[in-house]
C-alpha atoms as a PDB file:
ATOM      1  CA  MET A   1       0.524   1.632 -13.241  1.00  0.00           C
ATOM      2  CA  GLU A   2       0.964   4.759 -15.381  1.00  0.00           C
ATOM      3  CA  ILE A   3      -2.558   5.926 -14.510  1.00  0.00           C
ATOM      4  CA  LEU A   4      -1.919   5.414 -10.795  1.00  0.00           C
ATOM      5  CA  GLU A   5       1.411   7.228 -11.082  1.00  0.00           C
ATOM      6  CA  GLU A   6      -0.142  10.279 -12.711  1.00  0.00           C
ATOM      7  CA  THR A   7      -3.335  10.541 -10.647  1.00  0.00           C
ATOM      8  CA  GLU A   8      -2.089   9.235  -7.286  1.00  0.00           C
ATOM      9  CA  GLN A   9      -5.625   7.941  -6.694  1.00  0.00           C
ATOM     10  CA  PHE A  10      -6.866   4.797  -4.990  1.00  0.00           C
ATOM     11  CA  VAL A  11      -8.283   2.208  -7.367  1.00  0.00           C
ATOM     12  CA  TYR A  12     -10.782  -0.239  -5.889  1.00  0.00           C
ATOM     13  CA  TYR A  13     -11.622  -3.608  -7.419  1.00  0.00           C
ATOM     14  CA  ARG A  14     -15.061  -4.855  -6.517  1.00  0.00           C
ATOM     15  CA  GLU A  15     -16.897  -7.976  -7.633  1.00  0.00           C
ATOM     16  CA  ASN A  16     -20.555  -8.663  -6.845  1.00  0.00           C
ATOM     17  CA  GLY A  17     -20.535  -5.589  -4.614  1.00  0.00           C
ATOM     18  CA  LYS A  18     -17.608  -6.831  -2.479  1.00  0.00           C
ATOM     19  CA  LEU A  19     -14.175  -5.271  -2.159  1.00  0.00           C
ATOM     20  CA  LEU A  20     -11.568  -7.695  -3.525  1.00  0.00           C
ATOM     21  CA  GLY A  21      -8.567  -5.409  -3.755  1.00  0.00           C
ATOM     22  CA  PHE A  22      -7.198  -1.914  -4.058  1.00  0.00           C
ATOM     23  CA  SER A  23      -4.107  -0.200  -5.344  1.00  0.00           C
ATOM     24  CA  ASN A  24      -2.462   3.165  -4.840  1.00  0.00           C
ATOM     25  CA  TYR A  25       0.710   4.903  -5.918  1.00  0.00           C
ATOM     26  CA  SER A  26       2.162   8.109  -4.479  1.00  0.00           C
ATOM     27  CA  LYS A  27       5.008   9.904  -6.161  1.00  0.00           C
ATOM     28  CA  TYR A  28       8.116  10.055  -3.987  1.00  0.00           C
ATOM     29  CA  SER A  29       7.885  13.842  -3.536  1.00  0.00           C
ATOM     30  CA  SER A  30       4.086  13.888  -3.224  1.00  0.00           C
ATOM     31  CA  LYS A  31       2.272  15.754  -0.486  1.00  0.00           C
ATOM     32  CA  LYS A  32      -0.787  13.508  -0.940  1.00  0.00           C
ATOM     33  CA  HIS A  33       0.633  11.101   1.646  1.00  0.00           C
ATOM     34  CA  LEU A  34      -1.108  13.352   4.164  1.00  0.00           C
ATOM     35  CA  LEU A  35      -4.452  11.986   2.909  1.00  0.00           C
ATOM     36  CA  ARG A  36      -3.210   8.417   2.720  1.00  0.00           C
ATOM     37  CA  LYS A  37      -3.909   7.559   6.365  1.00  0.00           C
ATOM     38  CA  LYS A  38      -7.522   8.710   6.016  1.00  0.00           C
ATOM     39  CA  LEU A  39      -7.957   6.769   2.767  1.00  0.00           C
ATOM     40  CA  LEU A  40      -6.444   3.605   4.238  1.00  0.00           C
ATOM     41  CA  LYS A  41      -8.852   3.777   7.160  1.00  0.00           C
ATOM     42  CA  GLU A  42     -11.666   4.079   4.613  1.00  0.00           C
ATOM     43  CA  VAL A  43     -10.406   0.982   2.783  1.00  0.00           C
ATOM     44  CA  PHE A  44     -10.232  -0.925   6.089  1.00  0.00           C
ATOM     45  CA  GLU A  45     -13.850   0.010   6.820  1.00  0.00           C
ATOM     46  CA  LEU A  46     -15.010  -1.044   3.330  1.00  0.00           C
ATOM     47  CA  ALA A  47     -13.263  -4.387   3.717  1.00  0.00           C
ATOM     48  CA  LYS A  48     -14.763  -4.919   7.173  1.00  0.00           C
ATOM     49  CA  LYS A  49     -18.274  -4.143   5.847  1.00  0.00           C
ATOM     50  CA  ASP A  50     -17.699  -6.778   3.178  1.00  0.00           C
ATOM     51  CA  ASN A  51     -16.960  -9.337   5.928  1.00  0.00           C
ATOM     52  CA  MET A  52     -13.263  -9.630   5.143  1.00  0.00           C
ATOM     53  CA  GLU A  53     -11.287 -10.959   8.087  1.00  0.00           C
ATOM     54  CA  ASN A  54      -7.934  -9.497   7.081  1.00  0.00           C
ATOM     55  CA  LEU A  55      -6.356  -7.320   4.433  1.00  0.00           C
ATOM     56  CA  GLN A  56      -2.828  -7.723   3.047  1.00  0.00           C
ATOM     57  CA  ILE A  57      -0.704  -4.857   1.731  1.00  0.00           C
ATOM     58  CA  LEU A  58       2.423  -5.169  -0.413  1.00  0.00           C
ATOM     59  CA  THR A  59       4.993  -2.365  -0.165  1.00  0.00           C
ATOM     60  CA  ASP A  60       8.741  -1.776  -0.372  1.00  0.00           C
ATOM     61  CA  GLU A  61      11.542   0.318   1.139  1.00  0.00           C
ATOM     62  CA  SER A  62      10.962   3.225  -1.234  1.00  0.00           C
ATOM     63  CA  CYS A  63       7.500   3.768   0.295  1.00  0.00           C
ATOM     64  CA  ASN A  64       6.465   5.154   3.658  1.00  0.00           C
ATOM     65  CA  TRP A  65       5.739   1.669   4.994  1.00  0.00           C
ATOM     66  CA  GLN A  66       5.790   2.844   8.633  1.00  0.00           C
ATOM     67  CA  ILE A  67       2.249   4.189   8.156  1.00  0.00           C
ATOM     68  CA  TYR A  68       0.957   0.612   8.094  1.00  0.00           C
ATOM     69  CA  GLU A  69       2.455  -0.129  11.506  1.00  0.00           C
ATOM     70  CA  LYS A  70       0.913   3.082  12.858  1.00  0.00           C
ATOM     71  CA  LEU A  71      -2.492   1.847  11.622  1.00  0.00           C
ATOM     72  CA  GLY A  72      -2.172  -1.475  13.458  1.00  0.00           C
ATOM     73  CA  CYS A  73      -0.909  -3.644  10.599  1.00  0.00           C
ATOM     74  CA  LYS A  74       1.596  -6.398  11.292  1.00  0.00           C
ATOM     75  CA  ARG A  75       4.513  -7.239   9.000  1.00  0.00           C
ATOM     76  CA  ILE A  76       4.030 -10.887   8.034  1.00  0.00           C
ATOM     77  CA  TYR A  77       6.585 -11.292   5.248  1.00  0.00           C
ATOM     78  CA  GLU A  78       9.839  -9.700   4.143  1.00  0.00           C
ATOM     79  CA  THR A  79      11.923 -10.449   1.060  1.00  0.00           C
ATOM     80  CA  ILE A  80      14.498  -8.895  -1.255  1.00  0.00           C
ATOM     81  CA  VAL A  81      13.502  -7.625  -4.727  1.00  0.00           C
ATOM     82  CA  GLU A  82      15.281  -5.913  -7.601  1.00  0.00           C
ATOM     83  CA  ASN A  83      15.216  -2.132  -7.197  1.00  0.00           C
ATOM     84  CA  LYS A  84      13.437  -0.382 -10.095  1.00  0.00           C
ATOM     85  CA  GLU A  85      13.808   3.141  -8.631  1.00  0.00           C
ATOM     86  CA  TYR A  86      17.575   3.473  -8.343  1.00  0.00           C
ATOM     87  CA  ASP A  87      17.628   7.224  -7.663  1.00  0.00           C
ATOM     88  CA  LYS A  88      15.231   6.946  -4.684  1.00  0.00           C
ATOM     89  CA  LEU A  89      17.357   4.539  -2.633  1.00  0.00           C
ATOM     90  CA  GLY A  90      20.893   5.641  -3.415  1.00  0.00           C
ATOM     91  CA  ASN A  91      21.449   3.563  -6.561  1.00  0.00           C
ATOM     92  CA  VAL A  92      21.148   0.211  -4.802  1.00  0.00           C
ATOM     93  CA  LEU A  93      20.355  -2.804  -6.955  1.00  0.00           C
ATOM     94  CA  ILE A  94      18.074  -4.561  -4.468  1.00  0.00           C
ATOM     95  CA  GLU A  95      15.626  -3.442  -1.792  1.00  0.00           C
ATOM     96  CA  LYS A  96      13.376  -4.980   0.809  1.00  0.00           C
ATOM     97  CA  ALA A  97       9.729  -5.672   0.076  1.00  0.00           C
ATOM     98  CA  PHE A  98       7.148  -6.280   2.792  1.00  0.00           C
ATOM     99  CA  ILE A  99       3.673  -7.708   3.172  1.00  0.00           C
ATOM    100  CA  TYR A 100       1.609  -6.209   5.981  1.00  0.00           C
ATOM    101  CA  GLU A 101      -1.627  -7.663   7.277  1.00  0.00           C
ATOM    102  CA  LYS A 102      -4.480  -5.852   8.966  1.00  0.00           C
ATOM    103  CA  LYS A 103      -6.877  -7.966  11.012  1.00  0.00           C
ATOM    104  CA  LEU A 104     -10.352  -6.509  10.656  1.00  0.00           C
END
């Protein structure tokens, strides 16, 4: 996580040439979110080429989760988790976490 936090890069996990997963972290004040939409579309295309039928994304309230809805993802799960970034959400102890799914 520390590497992702510092670099704000996408990390892809591939096995036998197929995309199995990816991870990304953007700092709260980052301007790199402007590239995020383009990178997510790239991930969707990689997954589709690897014959994946859907892709699931885990996010929480402290993130710009609306971008997933704008890219055609559907929220399939919502839960409450302990907040680890108190200063970002007004010192609340819990926050919502979501799983989005993109049909490819």
